[in-house]
């Protein structure tokens, strides 16, 4: 690694540039992953933060979690026969079942992807 310096008075200051951060913003799963690392795995968090890969890592986990959530939700809807027909027949029952499916899928995603190493 070759460093360049600029002279400020009697001192040589290294010309350091930060790594490029992805432009995409973190959503629920990405922010939860960042908080998990910060609170429970300080070494990993600090290492990724200093190397400039924390946001990239959180975005990767976020993408995996969102894809897994959608897959689980669709599989559960199919196996429990939660359909558009049910929605048109009994909206409150459809909402109850969809909330149940979403909560269960979310819990699985959090334990398998977001809160694991």
PDB file of N, CA and C in Angstrom:
ATOM      1  N   UNK A   1       0.845  -1.177   0.000  1.00  0.00           N
ATOM      2  CA  UNK A   1       0.000   0.000   0.000  1.00  0.00           C
ATOM      3  C   UNK A   1       0.884   1.231   0.000  1.00  0.00           C
ATOM      4  N   UNK A   2       0.630   2.108  -0.915  1.00  0.00           N
ATOM      5  CA  UNK A   2       1.432   3.317  -1.037  1.00  0.00           C
ATOM      6  C   UNK A   2       0.615   4.512  -0.569  1.00  0.00           C
ATOM      7  N   UNK A   3       1.155   5.236   0.377  1.00  0.00           N
ATOM      8  CA  UNK A   3       0.472   6.419   0.906  1.00  0.00           C
ATOM      9  C   UNK A   3       1.115   7.674   0.353  1.00  0.00           C
ATOM     10  N   UNK A   4       0.285   8.662   0.118  1.00  0.00           N
ATOM     11  CA  UNK A   4       0.796   9.984  -0.247  1.00  0.00           C
ATOM     12  C   UNK A   4       0.481  10.923   0.900  1.00  0.00           C
ATOM     13  N   UNK A   5       1.276  11.954   1.008  1.00  0.00           N
ATOM     14  CA  UNK A   5       1.142  12.891   2.117  1.00  0.00           C
ATOM     15  C   UNK A   5       1.042  14.312   1.590  1.00  0.00           C
ATOM     16  N   UNK A   6       0.391  15.134   2.351  1.00  0.00           N
ATOM     17  CA  UNK A   6       0.375  16.568   2.052  1.00  0.00           C
ATOM     18  C   UNK A   6       0.958  17.287   3.258  1.00  0.00           C
ATOM     19  N   UNK A   7       1.678  18.332   2.989  1.00  0.00           N
ATOM     20  CA  UNK A   7       2.359  19.052   4.065  1.00  0.00           C
ATOM     21  C   UNK A   7       1.460  20.175   4.575  1.00  0.00           C
ATOM     22  N   UNK A   8       1.222  20.156   5.884  1.00  0.00           N
ATOM     23  CA  UNK A   8       0.435  21.187   6.561  1.00  0.00           C
ATOM     24  C   UNK A   8       1.341  21.807   7.612  1.00  0.00           C
ATOM     25  N   UNK A   9       1.925  22.956   7.300  1.00  0.00           N
ATOM     26  CA  UNK A   9       2.863  23.572   8.229  1.00  0.00           C
ATOM     27  C   UNK A   9       4.100  22.698   8.347  1.00  0.00           C
ATOM     28  N   UNK A  10       4.423  22.241   9.554  1.00  0.00           N
ATOM     29  CA  UNK A  10       5.570  21.374   9.783  1.00  0.00           C
ATOM     30  C   UNK A  10       5.195  19.889   9.775  1.00  0.00           C
ATOM     31  N   UNK A  11       3.955  19.565   9.489  1.00  0.00           N
ATOM     32  CA  UNK A  11       3.471  18.184   9.595  1.00  0.00           C
ATOM     33  C   UNK A  11       3.136  17.602   8.228  1.00  0.00           C
ATOM     34  N   UNK A  12       3.343  16.292   8.099  1.00  0.00           N
ATOM     35  CA  UNK A  12       2.908  15.556   6.923  1.00  0.00           C
ATOM     36  C   UNK A  12       1.637  14.798   7.289  1.00  0.00           C
ATOM     37  N   UNK A  13       0.571  15.074   6.582  1.00  0.00           N
ATOM     38  CA  UNK A  13      -0.734  14.465   6.838  1.00  0.00           C
ATOM     39  C   UNK A  13      -1.003  13.449   5.720  1.00  0.00           C
ATOM     40  N   UNK A  14      -1.327  12.182   6.073  1.00  0.00           N
ATOM     41  CA  UNK A  14      -1.616  11.194   5.009  1.00  0.00           C
ATOM     42  C   UNK A  14      -2.915  11.524   4.290  1.00  0.00           C
ATOM     43  N   UNK A  15      -2.897  11.327   2.977  1.00  0.00           N
ATOM     44  CA  UNK A  15      -4.098  11.532   2.152  1.00  0.00           C
ATOM     45  C   UNK A  15      -4.872  10.218   2.136  1.00  0.00           C
ATOM     46  N   UNK A  16      -5.883  10.142   2.967  1.00  0.00           N
ATOM     47  CA  UNK A  16      -6.665   8.914   3.110  1.00  0.00           C
ATOM     48  C   UNK A  16      -8.077   9.176   2.603  1.00  0.00           C
ATOM     49  N   UNK A  17      -8.575   8.223   1.804  1.00  0.00           N
ATOM     50  CA  UNK A  17      -9.943   8.321   1.299  1.00  0.00           C
ATOM     51  C   UNK A  17     -10.753   7.146   1.826  1.00  0.00           C
ATOM     52  N   UNK A  18     -11.975   7.406   2.163  1.00  0.00           N
ATOM     53  CA  UNK A  18     -12.867   6.344   2.654  1.00  0.00           C
ATOM     54  C   UNK A  18     -13.330   5.485   1.482  1.00  0.00           C
ATOM     55  N   UNK A  19     -13.643   4.218   1.781  1.00  0.00           N
ATOM     56  CA  UNK A  19     -14.183   3.315   0.762  1.00  0.00           C
ATOM     57  C   UNK A  19     -15.557   3.802   0.327  1.00  0.00           C
ATOM     58  N   UNK A  20     -15.907   3.471  -0.905  1.00  0.00           N
ATOM     59  CA  UNK A  20     -17.222   3.826  -1.419  1.00  0.00           C
ATOM     60  C   UNK A  20     -18.287   2.996  -0.709  1.00  0.00           C
ATOM     61  N   UNK A  21     -19.299   3.633  -0.187  1.00  0.00           N
ATOM     62  CA  UNK A  21     -20.417   2.954   0.467  1.00  0.00           C
ATOM     63  C   UNK A  21     -21.548   2.787  -0.545  1.00  0.00           C
ATOM     64  N   UNK A  22     -22.254   1.662  -0.508  1.00  0.00           N
ATOM     65  CA  UNK A  22     -23.408   1.494  -1.405  1.00  0.00           C
ATOM     66  C   UNK A  22     -24.463   2.574  -1.149  1.00  0.00           C
ATOM     67  N   UNK A  23     -25.144   2.970  -2.212  1.00  0.00           N
ATOM     68  CA  UNK A  23     -26.152   4.027  -2.118  1.00  0.00           C
ATOM     69  C   UNK A  23     -27.471   3.539  -1.534  1.00  0.00           C
ATOM     70  N   UNK A  24     -27.728   2.240  -1.637  1.00  0.00           N
ATOM     71  CA  UNK A  24     -28.994   1.664  -1.170  1.00  0.00           C
ATOM     72  C   UNK A  24     -29.132   1.844   0.344  1.00  0.00           C
ATOM     73  N   UNK A  25     -30.345   2.109   0.790  1.00  0.00           N
ATOM     74  CA  UNK A  25     -30.551   2.308   2.224  1.00  0.00           C
ATOM     75  C   UNK A  25     -30.989   1.007   2.898  1.00  0.00           C
ATOM     76  N   UNK A  26     -30.705   0.922   4.183  1.00  0.00           N
ATOM     77  CA  UNK A  26     -31.073  -0.259   4.957  1.00  0.00           C
ATOM     78  C   UNK A  26     -32.543  -0.194   5.349  1.00  0.00           C
ATOM     79  N   UNK A  27     -33.188  -1.349   5.310  1.00  0.00           N
ATOM     80  CA  UNK A  27     -34.562  -1.447   5.782  1.00  0.00           C
ATOM     81  C   UNK A  27     -34.562  -2.303   7.044  1.00  0.00           C
ATOM     82  N   UNK A  28     -35.697  -2.826   7.407  1.00  0.00           N
ATOM     83  CA  UNK A  28     -35.889  -3.526   8.676  1.00  0.00           C
ATOM     84  C   UNK A  28     -34.800  -4.559   8.964  1.00  0.00           C
ATOM     85  N   UNK A  29     -34.610  -5.519   8.082  1.00  0.00           N
ATOM     86  CA  UNK A  29     -33.674  -6.614   8.361  1.00  0.00           C
ATOM     87  C   UNK A  29     -32.221  -6.134   8.373  1.00  0.00           C
ATOM     88  N   UNK A  30     -31.873  -5.203   7.507  1.00  0.00           N
ATOM     89  CA  UNK A  30     -30.514  -4.659   7.496  1.00  0.00           C
ATOM     90  C   UNK A  30     -30.185  -3.896   8.768  1.00  0.00           C
ATOM     91  N   UNK A  31     -31.140  -3.101   9.239  1.00  0.00           N
ATOM     92  CA  UNK A  31     -30.917  -2.337  10.469  1.00  0.00           C
ATOM     93  C   UNK A  31     -30.859  -3.265  11.686  1.00  0.00           C
ATOM     94  N   UNK A  32     -31.697  -4.297  11.692  1.00  0.00           N
ATOM     95  CA  UNK A  32     -31.660  -5.258  12.797  1.00  0.00           C
ATOM     96  C   UNK A  32     -30.331  -6.000  12.827  1.00  0.00           C
ATOM     97  N   UNK A  33     -29.790  -6.348  11.658  1.00  0.00           N
ATOM     98  CA  UNK A  33     -28.494  -7.022  11.597  1.00  0.00           C
ATOM     99  C   UNK A  33     -27.388  -6.120  12.136  1.00  0.00           C
ATOM    100  N   UNK A  34     -27.415  -4.857  11.731  1.00  0.00           N
ATOM    101  CA  UNK A  34     -26.405  -3.905  12.210  1.00  0.00           C
ATOM    102  C   UNK A  34     -26.473  -3.755  13.733  1.00  0.00           C
ATOM    103  N   UNK A  35     -27.657  -3.629  14.270  1.00  0.00           N
ATOM    104  CA  UNK A  35     -27.832  -3.510  15.721  1.00  0.00           C
ATOM    105  C   UNK A  35     -27.381  -4.782  16.431  1.00  0.00           C
ATOM    106  N   UNK A  36     -27.711  -5.942  15.862  1.00  0.00           N
ATOM    107  CA  UNK A  36     -27.296  -7.218  16.443  1.00  0.00           C
ATOM    108  C   UNK A  36     -25.772  -7.299  16.532  1.00  0.00           C
ATOM    109  N   UNK A  37     -25.089  -6.965  15.448  1.00  0.00           N
ATOM    110  CA  UNK A  37     -23.623  -7.007  15.465  1.00  0.00           C
ATOM    111  C   UNK A  37     -23.056  -5.993  16.456  1.00  0.00           C
ATOM    112  N   UNK A  38     -23.630  -4.817  16.484  1.00  0.00           N
ATOM    113  CA  UNK A  38     -23.131  -3.752  17.365  1.00  0.00           C
ATOM    114  C   UNK A  38     -23.272  -4.130  18.836  1.00  0.00           C
ATOM    115  N   UNK A  39     -24.384  -4.767  19.204  1.00  0.00           N
ATOM    116  CA  UNK A  39     -24.650  -5.066  20.610  1.00  0.00           C
ATOM    117  C   UNK A  39     -24.083  -6.403  21.077  1.00  0.00           C
ATOM    118  N   UNK A  40     -23.969  -7.385  20.174  1.00  0.00           N
ATOM    119  CA  UNK A  40     -23.604  -8.730  20.608  1.00  0.00           C
ATOM    120  C   UNK A  40     -22.278  -9.244  20.041  1.00  0.00           C
ATOM    121  N   UNK A  41     -21.787  -8.637  18.990  1.00  0.00           N
ATOM    122  CA  UNK A  41     -20.529  -9.068  18.371  1.00  0.00           C
ATOM    123  C   UNK A  41     -19.720  -7.828  17.996  1.00  0.00           C
ATOM    124  N   UNK A  42     -19.241  -7.147  19.005  1.00  0.00           N
ATOM    125  CA  UNK A  42     -18.554  -5.873  18.802  1.00  0.00           C
ATOM    126  C   UNK A  42     -17.321  -5.989  17.909  1.00  0.00           C
ATOM    127  N   UNK A  43     -16.596  -7.120  18.004  1.00  0.00           N
ATOM    128  CA  UNK A  43     -15.399  -7.304  17.188  1.00  0.00           C
ATOM    129  C   UNK A  43     -15.721  -7.357  15.702  1.00  0.00           C
ATOM    130  N   UNK A  44     -16.731  -8.144  15.351  1.00  0.00           N
ATOM    131  CA  UNK A  44     -17.144  -8.241  13.949  1.00  0.00           C
ATOM    132  C   UNK A  44     -17.664  -6.899  13.462  1.00  0.00           C
ATOM    133  N   UNK A  45     -18.480  -6.251  14.289  1.00  0.00           N
ATOM    134  CA  UNK A  45     -19.036  -4.945  13.927  1.00  0.00           C
ATOM    135  C   UNK A  45     -17.917  -3.939  13.666  1.00  0.00           C
ATOM    136  N   UNK A  46     -16.970  -3.851  14.591  1.00  0.00           N
ATOM    137  CA  UNK A  46     -15.884  -2.882  14.457  1.00  0.00           C
ATOM    138  C   UNK A  46     -15.013  -3.200  13.246  1.00  0.00           C
ATOM    139  N   UNK A  47     -14.712  -4.485  13.036  1.00  0.00           N
ATOM    140  CA  UNK A  47     -13.901  -4.874  11.883  1.00  0.00           C
ATOM    141  C   UNK A  47     -14.553  -4.492  10.569  1.00  0.00           C
ATOM    142  N   UNK A  48     -15.838  -4.765  10.439  1.00  0.00           N
ATOM    143  CA  UNK A  48     -16.553  -4.424   9.214  1.00  0.00           C
ATOM    144  C   UNK A  48     -16.699  -2.911   9.060  1.00  0.00           C
ATOM    145  N   UNK A  49     -16.899  -2.220  10.154  1.00  0.00           N
ATOM    146  CA  UNK A  49     -17.020  -0.768  10.112  1.00  0.00           C
ATOM    147  C   UNK A  49     -15.707  -0.135   9.657  1.00  0.00           C
ATOM    148  N   UNK A  50     -14.591  -0.593  10.226  1.00  0.00           N
ATOM    149  CA  UNK A  50     -13.293  -0.019   9.882  1.00  0.00           C
ATOM    150  C   UNK A  50     -12.856  -0.379   8.467  1.00  0.00           C
ATOM    151  N   UNK A  51     -13.229  -1.559   7.991  1.00  0.00           N
ATOM    152  CA  UNK A  51     -12.846  -1.946   6.629  1.00  0.00           C
ATOM    153  C   UNK A  51     -13.805  -1.381   5.578  1.00  0.00           C
ATOM    154  N   UNK A  52     -14.902  -0.776   6.023  1.00  0.00           N
ATOM    155  CA  UNK A  52     -15.855  -0.165   5.101  1.00  0.00           C
ATOM    156  C   UNK A  52     -16.812  -1.155   4.463  1.00  0.00           C
ATOM    157  N   UNK A  53     -16.996  -2.327   5.080  1.00  0.00           N
ATOM    158  CA  UNK A  53     -17.873  -3.345   4.496  1.00  0.00           C
ATOM    159  C   UNK A  53     -19.144  -3.579   5.311  1.00  0.00           C
ATOM    160  N   UNK A  54     -19.373  -2.797   6.337  1.00  0.00           N
ATOM    161  CA  UNK A  54     -20.545  -3.012   7.199  1.00  0.00           C
ATOM    162  C   UNK A  54     -21.850  -2.824   6.429  1.00  0.00           C
ATOM    163  N   UNK A  55     -21.987  -1.734   5.712  1.00  0.00           N
ATOM    164  CA  UNK A  55     -23.224  -1.478   4.975  1.00  0.00           C
ATOM    165  C   UNK A  55     -23.446  -2.535   3.906  1.00  0.00           C
ATOM    166  N   UNK A  56     -22.378  -2.901   3.221  1.00  0.00           N
ATOM    167  CA  UNK A  56     -22.479  -3.941   2.190  1.00  0.00           C
ATOM    168  C   UNK A  56     -22.944  -5.267   2.794  1.00  0.00           C
ATOM    169  N   UNK A  57     -22.388  -5.625   3.946  1.00  0.00           N
ATOM    170  CA  UNK A  57     -22.788  -6.856   4.640  1.00  0.00           C
ATOM    171  C   UNK A  57     -24.256  -6.793   5.055  1.00  0.00           C
ATOM    172  N   UNK A  58     -24.670  -5.684   5.639  1.00  0.00           N
ATOM    173  CA  UNK A  58     -26.059  -5.544   6.091  1.00  0.00           C
ATOM    174  C   UNK A  58     -27.027  -5.583   4.907  1.00  0.00           C
ATOM    175  N   UNK A  59     -26.638  -5.001   3.766  1.00  0.00           N
ATOM    176  CA  UNK A  59     -27.483  -5.045   2.573  1.00  0.00           C
ATOM    177  C   UNK A  59     -27.610  -6.473   2.042  1.00  0.00           C
ATOM    178  N   UNK A  60     -26.524  -7.240   2.114  1.00  0.00           N
ATOM    179  CA  UNK A  60     -26.559  -8.624   1.669  1.00  0.00           C
ATOM    180  C   UNK A  60     -27.501  -9.450   2.557  1.00  0.00           C
ATOM    181  N   UNK A  61     -27.383  -9.273   3.877  1.00  0.00           N
ATOM    182  CA  UNK A  61     -28.261  -9.977   4.815  1.00  0.00           C
ATOM    183  C   UNK A  61     -29.707  -9.546   4.598  1.00  0.00           C
ATOM    184  N   UNK A  62     -29.919  -8.269   4.378  1.00  0.00           N
ATOM    185  CA  UNK A  62     -31.257  -7.736   4.135  1.00  0.00           C
ATOM    186  C   UNK A  62     -31.884  -8.390   2.903  1.00  0.00           C
ATOM    187  N   UNK A  63     -31.128  -8.494   1.826  1.00  0.00           N
ATOM    188  CA  UNK A  63     -31.645  -9.095   0.597  1.00  0.00           C
ATOM    189  C   UNK A  63     -31.995 -10.562   0.825  1.00  0.00           C
ATOM    190  N   UNK A  64     -31.108 -11.304   1.479  1.00  0.00           N
ATOM    191  CA  UNK A  64     -31.371 -12.718   1.762  1.00  0.00           C
ATOM    192  C   UNK A  64     -32.618 -12.880   2.627  1.00  0.00           C
ATOM    193  N   UNK A  65     -32.739 -12.041   3.643  1.00  0.00           N
ATOM    194  CA  UNK A  65     -33.873 -12.129   4.569  1.00  0.00           C
ATOM    195  C   UNK A  65     -35.186 -11.817   3.866  1.00  0.00           C
ATOM    196  N   UNK A  66     -35.203 -10.798   3.028  1.00  0.00           N
ATOM    197  CA  UNK A  66     -36.435 -10.433   2.325  1.00  0.00           C
ATOM    198  C   UNK A  66     -36.860 -11.526   1.348  1.00  0.00           C
ATOM    199  N   UNK A  67     -35.884 -12.128   0.649  1.00  0.00           N
ATOM    200  CA  UNK A  67     -36.206 -13.214  -0.273  1.00  0.00           C
ATOM    201  C   UNK A  67     -36.738 -14.435   0.478  1.00  0.00           C
ATOM    202  N   UNK A  68     -36.101 -14.761   1.591  1.00  0.00           N
ATOM    203  CA  UNK A  68     -36.529 -15.914   2.406  1.00  0.00           C
ATOM    204  C   UNK A  68     -37.920 -15.664   2.971  1.00  0.00           C
ATOM    205  N   UNK A  69     -38.203 -14.439   3.424  1.00  0.00           N
ATOM    206  CA  UNK A  69     -39.511 -14.094   3.971  1.00  0.00           C
ATOM    207  C   UNK A  69     -40.599 -14.311   2.919  1.00  0.00           C
ATOM    208  N   UNK A  70     -40.372 -13.811   1.714  1.00  0.00           N
ATOM    209  CA  UNK A  70     -41.368 -13.948   0.650  1.00  0.00           C
ATOM    210  C   UNK A  70     -41.601 -15.419   0.302  1.00  0.00           C
ATOM    211  N   UNK A  71     -40.512 -16.192   0.218  1.00  0.00           N
ATOM    212  CA  UNK A  71     -40.629 -17.610  -0.090  1.00  0.00           C
ATOM    213  C   UNK A  71     -41.439 -18.343   0.984  1.00  0.00           C
ATOM    214  N   UNK A  72     -41.090 -18.084   2.249  1.00  0.00           N
ATOM    215  CA  UNK A  72     -41.819 -18.715   3.359  1.00  0.00           C
ATOM    216  C   UNK A  72     -43.289 -18.321   3.365  1.00  0.00           C
ATOM    217  N   UNK A  73     -43.553 -17.046   3.170  1.00  0.00           N
ATOM    218  CA  UNK A  73     -44.931 -16.549   3.187  1.00  0.00           C
ATOM    219  C   UNK A  73     -45.756 -17.232   2.095  1.00  0.00           C
ATOM    220  N   UNK A  74     -45.194 -17.332   0.899  1.00  0.00           N
ATOM    221  CA  UNK A  74     -45.920 -17.970  -0.202  1.00  0.00           C
ATOM    222  C   UNK A  74     -46.139 -19.454   0.056  1.00  0.00           C
ATOM    223  N   UNK A  75     -45.139 -20.132   0.604  1.00  0.00           N
ATOM    224  CA  UNK A  75     -45.288 -21.555   0.918  1.00  0.00           C
ATOM    225  C   UNK A  75     -46.357 -21.770   1.985  1.00  0.00           C
ATOM    226  N   UNK A  76     -46.360 -20.934   3.015  1.00  0.00           N
ATOM    227  CA  UNK A  76     -47.354 -21.067   4.079  1.00  0.00           C
ATOM    228  C   UNK A  76     -48.759 -20.764   3.564  1.00  0.00           C
ATOM    229  N   UNK A  77     -48.869 -19.744   2.704  1.00  0.00           N
ATOM    230  CA  UNK A  77     -50.187 -19.413   2.135  1.00  0.00           C
ATOM    231  C   UNK A  77     -50.716 -20.593   1.329  1.00  0.00           C
ATOM    232  N   UNK A  78     -49.852 -21.217   0.567  1.00  0.00           N
ATOM    233  CA  UNK A  78     -50.270 -22.352  -0.249  1.00  0.00           C
ATOM    234  C   UNK A  78     -50.670 -23.546   0.615  1.00  0.00           C
ATOM    235  N   UNK A  79     -49.850 -23.857   1.617  1.00  0.00           N
ATOM    236  CA  UNK A  79     -50.141 -25.043   2.446  1.00  0.00           C
ATOM    237  C   UNK A  79     -51.363 -24.840   3.340  1.00  0.00           C
ATOM    238  N   UNK A  80     -51.657 -23.605   3.727  1.00  0.00           N
ATOM    239  CA  UNK A  80     -52.801 -23.329   4.590  1.00  0.00           C
ATOM    240  C   UNK A  80     -54.025 -22.864   3.804  1.00  0.00           C
ATOM    241  N   UNK A  81     -53.902 -22.874   2.482  1.00  0.00           N
ATOM    242  CA  UNK A  81     -54.992 -22.509   1.580  1.00  0.00           C
ATOM    243  C   UNK A  81     -55.580 -21.122   1.859  1.00  0.00           C
ATOM    244  N   UNK A  82     -54.667 -20.160   2.024  1.00  0.00           N
ATOM    245  CA  UNK A  82     -55.078 -18.761   2.171  1.00  0.00           C
ATOM    246  C   UNK A  82     -55.048 -18.171   0.769  1.00  0.00           C
ATOM    247  N   UNK A  83     -56.230 -17.986   0.189  1.00  0.00           N
ATOM    248  CA  UNK A  83     -56.337 -17.598  -1.219  1.00  0.00           C
ATOM    249  C   UNK A  83     -57.128 -16.307  -1.372  1.00  0.00           C
ATOM    250  N   UNK A  84     -57.169 -15.846  -2.611  1.00  0.00           N
ATOM    251  CA  UNK A  84     -57.987 -14.676  -2.929  1.00  0.00           C
ATOM    252  C   UNK A  84     -59.469 -14.991  -2.752  1.00  0.00           C
ATOM    253  N   UNK A  85     -59.815 -16.229  -2.940  1.00  0.00           N
ATOM    254  CA  UNK A  85     -61.209 -16.642  -2.752  1.00  0.00           C
ATOM    255  C   UNK A  85     -61.615 -16.452  -1.286  1.00  0.00           C
ATOM    256  N   UNK A  86     -60.719 -16.834  -0.371  1.00  0.00           N
ATOM    257  CA  UNK A  86     -60.977 -16.622   1.059  1.00  0.00           C
ATOM    258  C   UNK A  86     -61.071 -15.131   1.359  1.00  0.00           C
ATOM    259  N   UNK A  87     -60.217 -14.358   0.714  1.00  0.00           N
ATOM    260  CA  UNK A  87     -60.218 -12.904   0.928  1.00  0.00           C
ATOM    261  C   UNK A  87     -61.554 -12.287   0.516  1.00  0.00           C
ATOM    262  N   UNK A  88     -62.099 -12.735  -0.597  1.00  0.00           N
ATOM    263  CA  UNK A  88     -63.373 -12.165  -1.037  1.00  0.00           C
ATOM    264  C   UNK A  88     -64.552 -12.682  -0.207  1.00  0.00           C
ATOM    265  N   UNK A  89     -64.406 -13.901   0.326  1.00  0.00           N
ATOM    266  CA  UNK A  89     -65.490 -14.501   1.112  1.00  0.00           C
ATOM    267  C   UNK A  89     -65.510 -13.993   2.547  1.00  0.00           C
ATOM    268  N   UNK A  90     -64.328 -13.945   3.196  1.00  0.00           N
ATOM    269  CA  UNK A  90     -64.255 -13.579   4.615  1.00  0.00           C
ATOM    270  C   UNK A  90     -62.965 -12.787   4.857  1.00  0.00           C
ATOM    271  N   UNK A  91     -63.034 -11.475   4.712  1.00  0.00           N
ATOM    272  CA  UNK A  91     -61.850 -10.620   4.798  1.00  0.00           C
ATOM    273  C   UNK A  91     -61.162 -10.684   6.156  1.00  0.00           C
ATOM    274  N   UNK A  92     -61.922 -10.693   7.217  1.00  0.00           N
ATOM    275  CA  UNK A  92     -61.322 -10.692   8.559  1.00  0.00           C
ATOM    276  C   UNK A  92     -60.552 -11.983   8.820  1.00  0.00           C
ATOM    277  N   UNK A  93     -61.071 -13.096   8.358  1.00  0.00           N
ATOM    278  CA  UNK A  93     -60.371 -14.374   8.508  1.00  0.00           C
ATOM    279  C   UNK A  93     -59.081 -14.372   7.677  1.00  0.00           C
ATOM    280  N   UNK A  94     -59.177 -13.826   6.458  1.00  0.00           N
ATOM    281  CA  UNK A  94     -57.996 -13.730   5.599  1.00  0.00           C
ATOM    282  C   UNK A  94     -56.915 -12.873   6.267  1.00  0.00           C
ATOM    283  N   UNK A  95     -57.312 -11.731   6.831  1.00  0.00           N
ATOM    284  CA  UNK A  95     -56.357 -10.841   7.507  1.00  0.00           C
ATOM    285  C   UNK A  95     -55.742 -11.549   8.714  1.00  0.00           C
ATOM    286  N   UNK A  96     -56.547 -12.255   9.485  1.00  0.00           N
ATOM    287  CA  UNK A  96     -56.035 -12.980  10.649  1.00  0.00           C
ATOM    288  C   UNK A  96     -54.997 -14.011  10.232  1.00  0.00           C
ATOM    289  N   UNK A  97     -55.311 -14.777   9.212  1.00  0.00           N
ATOM    290  CA  UNK A  97     -54.386 -15.807   8.758  1.00  0.00           C
ATOM    291  C   UNK A  97     -53.117 -15.212   8.135  1.00  0.00           C
ATOM    292  N   UNK A  98     -53.264 -14.130   7.391  1.00  0.00           N
ATOM    293  CA  UNK A  98     -52.090 -13.488   6.784  1.00  0.00           C
ATOM    294  C   UNK A  98     -51.174 -12.896   7.858  1.00  0.00           C
ATOM    295  N   UNK A  99     -51.751 -12.295   8.889  1.00  0.00           N
ATOM    296  CA  UNK A  99     -50.929 -11.771   9.986  1.00  0.00           C
ATOM    297  C   UNK A  99     -50.186 -12.897  10.695  1.00  0.00           C
ATOM    298  N   UNK A 100     -50.865 -14.013  10.892  1.00  0.00           N
ATOM    299  CA  UNK A 100     -50.234 -15.163  11.518  1.00  0.00           C
ATOM    300  C   UNK A 100     -49.079 -15.684  10.665  1.00  0.00           C
ATOM    301  N   UNK A 101     -49.301 -15.786   9.377  1.00  0.00           N
ATOM    302  CA  UNK A 101     -48.257 -16.254   8.457  1.00  0.00           C
ATOM    303  C   UNK A 101     -47.081 -15.295   8.452  1.00  0.00           C
ATOM    304  N   UNK A 102     -47.358 -14.010   8.378  1.00  0.00           N
ATOM    305  CA  UNK A 102     -46.290 -13.013   8.344  1.00  0.00           C
ATOM    306  C   UNK A 102     -45.464 -13.038   9.631  1.00  0.00           C
ATOM    307  N   UNK A 103     -46.125 -13.174  10.759  1.00  0.00           N
ATOM    308  CA  UNK A 103     -45.406 -13.222  12.037  1.00  0.00           C
ATOM    309  C   UNK A 103     -44.528 -14.457  12.144  1.00  0.00           C
ATOM    310  N   UNK A 104     -45.040 -15.605  11.723  1.00  0.00           N
ATOM    311  CA  UNK A 104     -44.245 -16.837  11.780  1.00  0.00           C
ATOM    312  C   UNK A 104     -43.068 -16.788  10.813  1.00  0.00           C
ATOM    313  N   UNK A 105     -43.304 -16.290   9.606  1.00  0.00           N
ATOM    314  CA  UNK A 105     -42.217 -16.181   8.622  1.00  0.00           C
ATOM    315  C   UNK A 105     -41.154 -15.204   9.105  1.00  0.00           C
ATOM    316  N   UNK A 106     -41.586 -14.106   9.701  1.00  0.00           N
ATOM    317  CA  UNK A 106     -40.649 -13.110  10.230  1.00  0.00           C
ATOM    318  C   UNK A 106     -39.780 -13.703  11.340  1.00  0.00           C
ATOM    319  N   UNK A 107     -40.389 -14.473  12.218  1.00  0.00           N
ATOM    320  CA  UNK A 107     -39.641 -15.096  13.317  1.00  0.00           C
ATOM    321  C   UNK A 107     -38.597 -16.080  12.785  1.00  0.00           C
ATOM    322  N   UNK A 108     -38.964 -16.839  11.776  1.00  0.00           N
ATOM    323  CA  UNK A 108     -38.019 -17.790  11.177  1.00  0.00           C
ATOM    324  C   UNK A 108     -36.859 -17.042  10.525  1.00  0.00           C
ATOM    325  N   UNK A 109     -37.158 -16.004   9.771  1.00  0.00           N
ATOM    326  CA  UNK A 109     -36.118 -15.227   9.088  1.00  0.00           C
ATOM    327  C   UNK A 109     -35.171 -14.588  10.101  1.00  0.00           C
ATOM    328  N   UNK A 110     -35.718 -14.030  11.165  1.00  0.00           N
ATOM    329  CA  UNK A 110     -34.871 -13.400  12.172  1.00  0.00           C
ATOM    330  C   UNK A 110     -33.934 -14.404  12.816  1.00  0.00           C
ATOM    331  N   UNK A 111     -34.439 -15.564  13.163  1.00  0.00           N
ATOM    332  CA  UNK A 111     -33.585 -16.540  13.852  1.00  0.00           C
ATOM    333  C   UNK A 111     -32.587 -17.205  12.909  1.00  0.00           C
ATOM    334  N   UNK A 112     -32.977 -17.476  11.665  1.00  0.00           N
ATOM    335  CA  UNK A 112     -32.091 -18.190  10.745  1.00  0.00           C
ATOM    336  C   UNK A 112     -31.081 -17.291  10.035  1.00  0.00           C
ATOM    337  N   UNK A 113     -31.451 -16.052   9.772  1.00  0.00           N
ATOM    338  CA  UNK A 113     -30.586 -15.203   8.937  1.00  0.00           C
ATOM    339  C   UNK A 113     -30.042 -14.001   9.710  1.00  0.00           C
ATOM    340  N   UNK A 114     -30.918 -13.214  10.284  1.00  0.00           N
ATOM    341  CA  UNK A 114     -30.502 -11.940  10.886  1.00  0.00           C
ATOM    342  C   UNK A 114     -29.696 -12.141  12.166  1.00  0.00           C
ATOM    343  N   UNK A 115     -30.145 -13.014  13.044  1.00  0.00           N
ATOM    344  CA  UNK A 115     -29.489 -13.191  14.338  1.00  0.00           C
ATOM    345  C   UNK A 115     -28.594 -14.420  14.405  1.00  0.00           C
ATOM    346  N   UNK A 116     -27.987 -14.782  13.296  1.00  0.00           N
ATOM    347  CA  UNK A 116     -27.045 -15.908  13.298  1.00  0.00           C
ATOM    348  C   UNK A 116     -25.727 -15.457  12.680  1.00  0.00           C
ATOM    349  N   UNK A 117     -24.694 -16.206  12.980  1.00  0.00           N
ATOM    350  CA  UNK A 117     -23.380 -15.870  12.411  1.00  0.00           C
ATOM    351  C   UNK A 117     -22.947 -16.869  11.390  1.00  0.00           C
TER     352      UNK A 117
END
